[in-house]
Every structure is written in C-alpha cells, then in structure tokens.
Amino acid sequence: HTPAVLITRGRIDQQLGKIAALTPHDERLKSFRLLI
C-alpha cells in the first residue's frame, strides 16, 4: 500500500509529510490508519 511503501523509504519526517499529502480517498483512509 502506498503509505506503507512511503514510510519505509527516506527520512521519516519527509515521508510522514508525503503520507499526509496523499489525495485519493482510499489512500487518505490508509494514511489516517497508518499515521495513528
């Protein structure tokens, strides 16, 4: 899943920002669950 891929690559602070910026609705739900 896109948020899971993002969090495993690069600097964590940058990746968290990228995860928060995902726009498709289903990706936002996954992002929400992952960030929690």
All heavy atoms as atom14 arrays in JSON, in Angstrom:
{
  "sequence": "HTPAVLITRGRIDQQLGKIAALTPHDERLKSFRLLI",
  "atom14_mask": [
    [1, 1, 1, 1, 1, 1, 1, 1, 1, 1, 0, 0, 0, 0],
    [1, 1, 1, 1, 1, 1, 1, 0, 0, 0, 0, 0, 0, 0],
    [1, 1, 1, 1, 1, 1, 1, 0, 0, 0, 0, 0, 0, 0],
    [1, 1, 1, 1, 1, 0, 0, 0, 0, 0, 0, 0, 0, 0],
    [1, 1, 1, 1, 1, 1, 1, 0, 0, 0, 0, 0, 0, 0],
    [1, 1, 1, 1, 1, 1, 1, 1, 0, 0, 0, 0, 0, 0],
    [1, 1, 1, 1, 1, 1, 1, 1, 0, 0, 0, 0, 0, 0],
    [1, 1, 1, 1, 1, 1, 1, 0, 0, 0, 0, 0, 0, 0],
    [1, 1, 1, 1, 1, 1, 1, 1, 1, 1, 1, 0, 0, 0],
    [1, 1, 1, 1, 0, 0, 0, 0, 0, 0, 0, 0, 0, 0],
    [1, 1, 1, 1, 1, 1, 1, 1, 1, 1, 1, 0, 0, 0],
    [1, 1, 1, 1, 1, 1, 1, 1, 0, 0, 0, 0, 0, 0],
    [1, 1, 1, 1, 1, 1, 1, 1, 0, 0, 0, 0, 0, 0],
    [1, 1, 1, 1, 1, 1, 1, 1, 1, 0, 0, 0, 0, 0],
    [1, 1, 1, 1, 1, 1, 1, 1, 1, 0, 0, 0, 0, 0],
    [1, 1, 1, 1, 1, 1, 1, 1, 0, 0, 0, 0, 0, 0],
    [1, 1, 1, 1, 0, 0, 0, 0, 0, 0, 0, 0, 0, 0],
    [1, 1, 1, 1, 1, 1, 1, 1, 1, 0, 0, 0, 0, 0],
    [1, 1, 1, 1, 1, 1, 1, 1, 0, 0, 0, 0, 0, 0],
    [1, 1, 1, 1, 1, 0, 0, 0, 0, 0, 0, 0, 0, 0],
    [1, 1, 1, 1, 1, 0, 0, 0, 0, 0, 0, 0, 0, 0],
    [1, 1, 1, 1, 1, 1, 1, 1, 0, 0, 0, 0, 0, 0],
    [1, 1, 1, 1, 1, 1, 1, 0, 0, 0, 0, 0, 0, 0],
    [1, 1, 1, 1, 1, 1, 1, 0, 0, 0, 0, 0, 0, 0],
    [1, 1, 1, 1, 1, 1, 1, 1, 1, 1, 0, 0, 0, 0],
    [1, 1, 1, 1, 1, 1, 1, 1, 0, 0, 0, 0, 0, 0],
    [1, 1, 1, 1, 1, 1, 1, 1, 1, 0, 0, 0, 0, 0],
    [1, 1, 1, 1, 1, 1, 1, 1, 1, 1, 1, 0, 0, 0],
    [1, 1, 1, 1, 1, 1, 1, 1, 0, 0, 0, 0, 0, 0],
    [1, 1, 1, 1, 1, 1, 1, 1, 1, 0, 0, 0, 0, 0],
    [1, 1, 1, 1, 1, 1, 0, 0, 0, 0, 0, 0, 0, 0],
    [1, 1, 1, 1, 1, 1, 1, 1, 1, 1, 1, 0, 0, 0],
    [1, 1, 1, 1, 1, 1, 1, 1, 1, 1, 1, 0, 0, 0],
    [1, 1, 1, 1, 1, 1, 1, 1, 0, 0, 0, 0, 0, 0],
    [1, 1, 1, 1, 1, 1, 1, 1, 0, 0, 0, 0, 0, 0],
    [1, 1, 1, 1, 1, 1, 1, 1, 0, 0, 0, 0, 0, 0]
  ],
  "atom14_positions": [
    [[0.85, -1.19, 0.0], [0.0, 0.0, 0.0], [0.89, 1.25, 0.0], [1.92, 1.28, 0.67], [-0.92, 0.02, 1.21], [-2.06, -0.93, 1.11], [-2.57, -1.6, 2.2], [-2.79, -1.35, 0.05], [-3.57, -2.36, 1.82], [-3.71, -2.24, 0.52], [0.0, 0.0, 0.0], [0.0, 0.0, 0.0], [0.0, 0.0, 0.0], [0.0, 0.0, 0.0]],
    [[0.48, 2.25, -0.74], [1.3, 3.44, -0.92], [1.81, 4.04, 0.4], [3.02, 4.3, 0.51], [0.55, 4.5, -1.75], [0.17, 3.91, -2.99], [1.4, 5.73, -1.99], [0.0, 0.0, 0.0], [0.0, 0.0, 0.0], [0.0, 0.0, 0.0], [0.0, 0.0, 0.0], [0.0, 0.0, 0.0], [0.0, 0.0, 0.0], [0.0, 0.0, 0.0]],
    [[0.97, 4.28, 1.4], [1.52, 4.84, 2.64], [2.57, 3.94, 3.29], [3.56, 4.42, 3.84], [0.29, 5.0, 3.55], [-0.87, 5.04, 2.63], [-0.49, 4.16, 1.47], [0.0, 0.0, 0.0], [0.0, 0.0, 0.0], [0.0, 0.0, 0.0], [0.0, 0.0, 0.0], [0.0, 0.0, 0.0], [0.0, 0.0, 0.0], [0.0, 0.0, 0.0]],
    [[2.37, 2.62, 3.2], [3.32, 1.68, 3.78], [4.65, 1.72, 3.03], [5.72, 1.65, 3.65], [2.75, 0.26, 3.77], [0.0, 0.0, 0.0], [0.0, 0.0, 0.0], [0.0, 0.0, 0.0], [0.0, 0.0, 0.0], [0.0, 0.0, 0.0], [0.0, 0.0, 0.0], [0.0, 0.0, 0.0], [0.0, 0.0, 0.0], [0.0, 0.0, 0.0]],
    [[4.58, 1.85, 1.72], [5.81, 1.95, 0.93], [6.55, 3.24, 1.28], [7.76, 3.24, 1.5], [5.49, 1.9, -0.59], [6.72, 2.25, -1.42], [4.94, 0.53, -0.97], [0.0, 0.0, 0.0], [0.0, 0.0, 0.0], [0.0, 0.0, 0.0], [0.0, 0.0, 0.0], [0.0, 0.0, 0.0], [0.0, 0.0, 0.0], [0.0, 0.0, 0.0]],
    [[5.8, 4.33, 1.36], [6.43, 5.62, 1.65], [7.15, 5.64, 3.0], [8.25, 6.15, 3.11], [5.39, 6.75, 1.6], [4.9, 7.15, 0.23], [3.74, 8.13, 0.33], [6.03, 7.75, -0.6], [0.0, 0.0, 0.0], [0.0, 0.0, 0.0], [0.0, 0.0, 0.0], [0.0, 0.0, 0.0], [0.0, 0.0, 0.0], [0.0, 0.0, 0.0]],
    [[6.51, 5.07, 4.03], [7.1, 5.17, 5.37], [8.39, 4.37, 5.51], [9.18, 4.62, 6.41], [6.09, 4.78, 6.46], [6.55, 5.38, 7.79], [5.9, 3.28, 6.55], [5.5, 5.55, 8.79], [0.0, 0.0, 0.0], [0.0, 0.0, 0.0], [0.0, 0.0, 0.0], [0.0, 0.0, 0.0], [0.0, 0.0, 0.0], [0.0, 0.0, 0.0]],
    [[8.62, 3.46, 4.59], [9.84, 2.64, 4.68], [11.0, 3.21, 3.87], [12.07, 2.62, 3.85], [9.57, 1.2, 4.19], [9.14, 1.24, 2.84], [8.53, 0.52, 5.06], [0.0, 0.0, 0.0], [0.0, 0.0, 0.0], [0.0, 0.0, 0.0], [0.0, 0.0, 0.0], [0.0, 0.0, 0.0], [0.0, 0.0, 0.0], [0.0, 0.0, 0.0]],
    [[10.78, 4.35, 3.23], [11.82, 4.93, 2.37], [12.14, 6.35, 2.76], [11.25, 7.18, 2.89], [11.35, 4.92, 0.93], [11.03, 3.53, 0.47], [11.14, 3.43, -1.02], [11.06, 2.04, -1.39], [10.2, 1.57, -2.26], [9.36, 2.37, -2.86], [10.19, 0.28, -2.55], [0.0, 0.0, 0.0], [0.0, 0.0, 0.0], [0.0, 0.0, 0.0]],
    [[13.41, 6.67, 2.91], [13.81, 8.05, 3.15], [13.67, 8.5, 4.58], [13.35, 7.72, 5.48], [0.0, 0.0, 0.0], [0.0, 0.0, 0.0], [0.0, 0.0, 0.0], [0.0, 0.0, 0.0], [0.0, 0.0, 0.0], [0.0, 0.0, 0.0], [0.0, 0.0, 0.0], [0.0, 0.0, 0.0], [0.0, 0.0, 0.0], [0.0, 0.0, 0.0]],
    [[13.92, 9.79, 4.79], [13.84, 10.38, 6.12], [12.4, 10.37, 6.62], [11.49, 10.77, 5.91], [14.36, 11.82, 6.08], [15.85, 11.91, 5.89], [16.35, 13.31, 5.91], [15.59, 14.14, 6.84], [15.73, 15.45, 6.94], [16.58, 16.09, 6.17], [15.0, 16.14, 7.79], [0.0, 0.0, 0.0], [0.0, 0.0, 0.0], [0.0, 0.0, 0.0]],
    [[12.22, 9.94, 7.85], [10.87, 9.75, 8.39], [10.06, 11.04, 8.37], [8.88, 11.01, 8.02], [10.92, 9.13, 9.81], [9.53, 8.73, 10.29], [11.56, 10.06, 10.81], [9.01, 7.47, 9.72], [0.0, 0.0, 0.0], [0.0, 0.0, 0.0], [0.0, 0.0, 0.0], [0.0, 0.0, 0.0], [0.0, 0.0, 0.0], [0.0, 0.0, 0.0]],
    [[10.66, 12.17, 8.7], [9.88, 13.42, 8.72], [9.38, 13.78, 7.33], [8.24, 14.2, 7.16], [10.69, 14.56, 9.34], [12.01, 14.82, 8.63], [12.57, 13.9, 8.01], [12.48, 15.97, 8.71], [0.0, 0.0, 0.0], [0.0, 0.0, 0.0], [0.0, 0.0, 0.0], [0.0, 0.0, 0.0], [0.0, 0.0, 0.0], [0.0, 0.0, 0.0]],
    [[10.19, 13.56, 6.32], [9.77, 13.83, 4.95], [8.7, 12.84, 4.5], [7.73, 13.21, 3.84], [10.96, 13.77, 4.0], [11.95, 14.89, 4.2], [13.19, 14.73, 3.35], [13.43, 13.68, 2.76], [14.0, 15.78, 3.29], [0.0, 0.0, 0.0], [0.0, 0.0, 0.0], [0.0, 0.0, 0.0], [0.0, 0.0, 0.0], [0.0, 0.0, 0.0]],
    [[8.85, 11.59, 4.87], [7.9, 10.55, 4.45], [6.55, 10.77, 5.11], [5.51, 10.56, 4.49], [8.45, 9.16, 4.74], [9.74, 8.84, 3.98], [9.67, 9.17, 2.5], [10.06, 10.24, 2.06], [9.12, 8.26, 1.73], [0.0, 0.0, 0.0], [0.0, 0.0, 0.0], [0.0, 0.0, 0.0], [0.0, 0.0, 0.0], [0.0, 0.0, 0.0]],
    [[6.55, 11.18, 6.37], [5.29, 11.46, 7.06], [4.53, 12.57, 6.34], [3.31, 12.5, 6.18], [5.54, 11.82, 8.52], [6.04, 10.69, 9.41], [6.5, 11.23, 10.76], [4.98, 9.61, 9.59], [0.0, 0.0, 0.0], [0.0, 0.0, 0.0], [0.0, 0.0, 0.0], [0.0, 0.0, 0.0], [0.0, 0.0, 0.0], [0.0, 0.0, 0.0]],
    [[5.25, 13.59, 5.89], [4.63, 14.67, 5.14], [4.05, 14.19, 3.81], [2.96, 14.61, 3.41], [0.0, 0.0, 0.0], [0.0, 0.0, 0.0], [0.0, 0.0, 0.0], [0.0, 0.0, 0.0], [0.0, 0.0, 0.0], [0.0, 0.0, 0.0], [0.0, 0.0, 0.0], [0.0, 0.0, 0.0], [0.0, 0.0, 0.0], [0.0, 0.0, 0.0]],
    [[4.76, 13.29, 3.14], [4.26, 12.74, 1.87], [3.01, 11.9, 2.1], [2.07, 11.95, 1.31], [5.34, 11.89, 1.2], [6.5, 12.69, 0.63], [7.55, 11.77, 0.05], [8.77, 12.55, -0.4], [9.81, 11.64, -0.92], [0.0, 0.0, 0.0], [0.0, 0.0, 0.0], [0.0, 0.0, 0.0], [0.0, 0.0, 0.0], [0.0, 0.0, 0.0]],
    [[3.01, 11.14, 3.17], [1.85, 10.31, 3.5], [0.64, 11.22, 3.77], [-0.46, 10.96, 3.3], [2.15, 9.39, 4.7], [3.19, 8.34, 4.29], [0.88, 8.73, 5.24], [3.82, 7.61, 5.46], [0.0, 0.0, 0.0], [0.0, 0.0, 0.0], [0.0, 0.0, 0.0], [0.0, 0.0, 0.0], [0.0, 0.0, 0.0], [0.0, 0.0, 0.0]],
    [[0.86, 12.28, 4.52], [-0.22, 13.21, 4.85], [-0.75, 13.92, 3.61], [-1.91, 14.33, 3.58], [0.26, 14.23, 5.88], [0.0, 0.0, 0.0], [0.0, 0.0, 0.0], [0.0, 0.0, 0.0], [0.0, 0.0, 0.0], [0.0, 0.0, 0.0], [0.0, 0.0, 0.0], [0.0, 0.0, 0.0], [0.0, 0.0, 0.0], [0.0, 0.0, 0.0]],
    [[0.06, 14.03, 2.57], [-0.32, 14.76, 1.36], [-1.0, 13.88, 0.3], [-1.43, 14.4, -0.73], [0.91, 15.43, 0.76], [0.0, 0.0, 0.0], [0.0, 0.0, 0.0], [0.0, 0.0, 0.0], [0.0, 0.0, 0.0], [0.0, 0.0, 0.0], [0.0, 0.0, 0.0], [0.0, 0.0, 0.0], [0.0, 0.0, 0.0], [0.0, 0.0, 0.0]],
    [[-1.1, 12.57, 0.53], [-1.77, 11.71, -0.45], [-3.21, 12.17, -0.62], [-3.88, 12.51, 0.35], [-1.71, 10.25, -0.01], [-0.33, 9.61, -0.03], [-0.37, 8.22, 0.61], [0.22, 9.52, -1.45], [0.0, 0.0, 0.0], [0.0, 0.0, 0.0], [0.0, 0.0, 0.0], [0.0, 0.0, 0.0], [0.0, 0.0, 0.0], [0.0, 0.0, 0.0]],
    [[-3.71, 12.17, -1.87], [-5.04, 12.73, -2.11], [-6.16, 11.76, -2.44], [-7.3, 12.05, -2.12], [-4.99, 13.82, -3.2], [-4.41, 13.25, -4.38], [-4.18, 15.01, -2.74], [0.0, 0.0, 0.0], [0.0, 0.0, 0.0], [0.0, 0.0, 0.0], [0.0, 0.0, 0.0], [0.0, 0.0, 0.0], [0.0, 0.0, 0.0], [0.0, 0.0, 0.0]],
    [[-5.93, 10.63, -3.08], [-7.09, 9.75, -3.35], [-7.75, 9.34, -2.03], [-7.07, 9.1, -1.03], [-6.48, 8.54, -4.06], [-5.18, 9.03, -4.61], [-4.69, 10.08, -3.63], [0.0, 0.0, 0.0], [0.0, 0.0, 0.0], [0.0, 0.0, 0.0], [0.0, 0.0, 0.0], [0.0, 0.0, 0.0], [0.0, 0.0, 0.0], [0.0, 0.0, 0.0]],
    [[-9.08, 9.25, -2.03], [-9.83, 8.96, -0.82], [-9.36, 7.69, -0.12], [-9.13, 7.69, 1.1], [-11.33, 8.87, -1.11], [-12.16, 8.57, 0.09], [-12.36, 9.5, 1.09], [-12.8, 7.44, 0.48], [-13.1, 8.96, 2.04], [-13.38, 7.71, 1.69], [0.0, 0.0, 0.0], [0.0, 0.0, 0.0], [0.0, 0.0, 0.0], [0.0, 0.0, 0.0]],
    [[-9.2, 6.6, -0.86], [-8.78, 5.35, -0.22], [-7.37, 5.46, 0.36], [-7.07, 4.87, 1.39], [-8.91, 4.15, -1.17], [-8.02, 4.24, -2.38], [-7.83, 5.35, -2.91], [-7.52, 3.19, -2.83], [0.0, 0.0, 0.0], [0.0, 0.0, 0.0], [0.0, 0.0, 0.0], [0.0, 0.0, 0.0], [0.0, 0.0, 0.0], [0.0, 0.0, 0.0]],
    [[-6.51, 6.24, -0.27], [-5.15, 6.44, 0.25], [-5.19, 7.29, 1.53], [-4.4, 7.09, 2.44], [-4.24, 7.1, -0.78], [-3.99, 6.25, -2.01], [-3.28, 4.92, -1.74], [-2.66, 4.76, -0.67], [-3.38, 4.04, -2.6], [0.0, 0.0, 0.0], [0.0, 0.0, 0.0], [0.0, 0.0, 0.0], [0.0, 0.0, 0.0], [0.0, 0.0, 0.0]],
    [[-6.13, 8.23, 1.59], [-6.26, 9.05, 2.79], [-6.7, 8.21, 3.98], [-6.22, 8.42, 5.09], [-7.24, 10.19, 2.56], [-6.65, 11.27, 1.72], [-7.59, 12.44, 1.57], [-6.81, 13.48, 0.93], [-6.57, 14.66, 1.47], [-7.09, 14.97, 2.62], [-5.83, 15.53, 0.84], [0.0, 0.0, 0.0], [0.0, 0.0, 0.0], [0.0, 0.0, 0.0]],
    [[-7.59, 7.27, 3.75], [-8.01, 6.39, 4.84], [-6.84, 5.52, 5.32], [-6.64, 5.34, 6.52], [-9.18, 5.5, 4.4], [-10.52, 6.21, 4.25], [-11.57, 5.25, 3.68], [-10.98, 6.78, 5.57], [0.0, 0.0, 0.0], [0.0, 0.0, 0.0], [0.0, 0.0, 0.0], [0.0, 0.0, 0.0], [0.0, 0.0, 0.0], [0.0, 0.0, 0.0]],
    [[-6.08, 5.0, 4.38], [-4.9, 4.2, 4.75], [-3.88, 5.08, 5.48], [-3.27, 4.65, 6.46], [-4.27, 3.58, 3.51], [-5.12, 2.52, 2.85], [-4.51, 2.1, 1.54], [-5.49, 1.29, 0.72], [-5.06, 1.14, -0.67], [0.0, 0.0, 0.0], [0.0, 0.0, 0.0], [0.0, 0.0, 0.0], [0.0, 0.0, 0.0], [0.0, 0.0, 0.0]],
    [[-3.7, 6.3, 4.99], [-2.78, 7.24, 5.62], [-3.21, 7.53, 7.05], [-2.38, 7.58, 7.96], [-2.69, 8.54, 4.82], [-2.15, 8.3, 3.55], [0.0, 0.0, 0.0], [0.0, 0.0, 0.0], [0.0, 0.0, 0.0], [0.0, 0.0, 0.0], [0.0, 0.0, 0.0], [0.0, 0.0, 0.0], [0.0, 0.0, 0.0], [0.0, 0.0, 0.0]],
    [[-4.51, 7.76, 7.24], [-5.04, 8.04, 8.57], [-4.73, 6.88, 9.51], [-4.19, 7.08, 10.61], [-6.55, 8.28, 8.47], [-7.21, 8.56, 9.8], [-7.04, 9.78, 10.44], [-8.02, 7.6, 10.39], [-7.66, 10.04, 11.66], [-8.64, 7.85, 11.61], [-8.46, 9.07, 12.23], [0.0, 0.0, 0.0], [0.0, 0.0, 0.0], [0.0, 0.0, 0.0]],
    [[-5.05, 5.66, 9.09], [-4.78, 4.5, 9.92], [-3.3, 4.35, 10.23], [-2.91, 4.05, 11.36], [-5.33, 3.23, 9.25], [-6.84, 3.22, 9.23], [-7.5, 2.04, 8.53], [-6.69, 0.88, 8.32], [-6.71, 0.16, 7.2], [-7.48, 0.5, 6.19], [-5.96, -0.9, 7.08], [0.0, 0.0, 0.0], [0.0, 0.0, 0.0], [0.0, 0.0, 0.0]],
    [[-2.46, 4.56, 9.21], [-1.02, 4.41, 9.41], [-0.47, 5.49, 10.35], [0.31, 5.18, 11.25], [-0.28, 4.43, 8.08], [1.23, 4.27, 8.18], [1.61, 2.93, 8.84], [1.88, 4.38, 6.81], [0.0, 0.0, 0.0], [0.0, 0.0, 0.0], [0.0, 0.0, 0.0], [0.0, 0.0, 0.0], [0.0, 0.0, 0.0], [0.0, 0.0, 0.0]],
    [[-0.87, 6.72, 10.14], [-0.35, 7.8, 10.98], [-0.8, 7.64, 12.44], [-0.03, 7.93, 13.36], [-0.73, 9.17, 10.43], [-0.05, 9.53, 9.1], [-0.62, 10.83, 8.54], [1.46, 9.62, 9.26], [0.0, 0.0, 0.0], [0.0, 0.0, 0.0], [0.0, 0.0, 0.0], [0.0, 0.0, 0.0], [0.0, 0.0, 0.0], [0.0, 0.0, 0.0]],
    [[-2.01, 7.16, 12.65], [-2.45, 6.87, 14.03], [-1.55, 5.79, 14.63], [-1.11, 5.89, 15.77], [-3.94, 6.43, 14.07], [-4.86, 7.61, 13.75], [-4.29, 5.79, 15.42], [-4.96, 8.68, 14.82], [0.0, 0.0, 0.0], [0.0, 0.0, 0.0], [0.0, 0.0, 0.0], [0.0, 0.0, 0.0], [0.0, 0.0, 0.0], [0.0, 0.0, 0.0]]
  ]
}
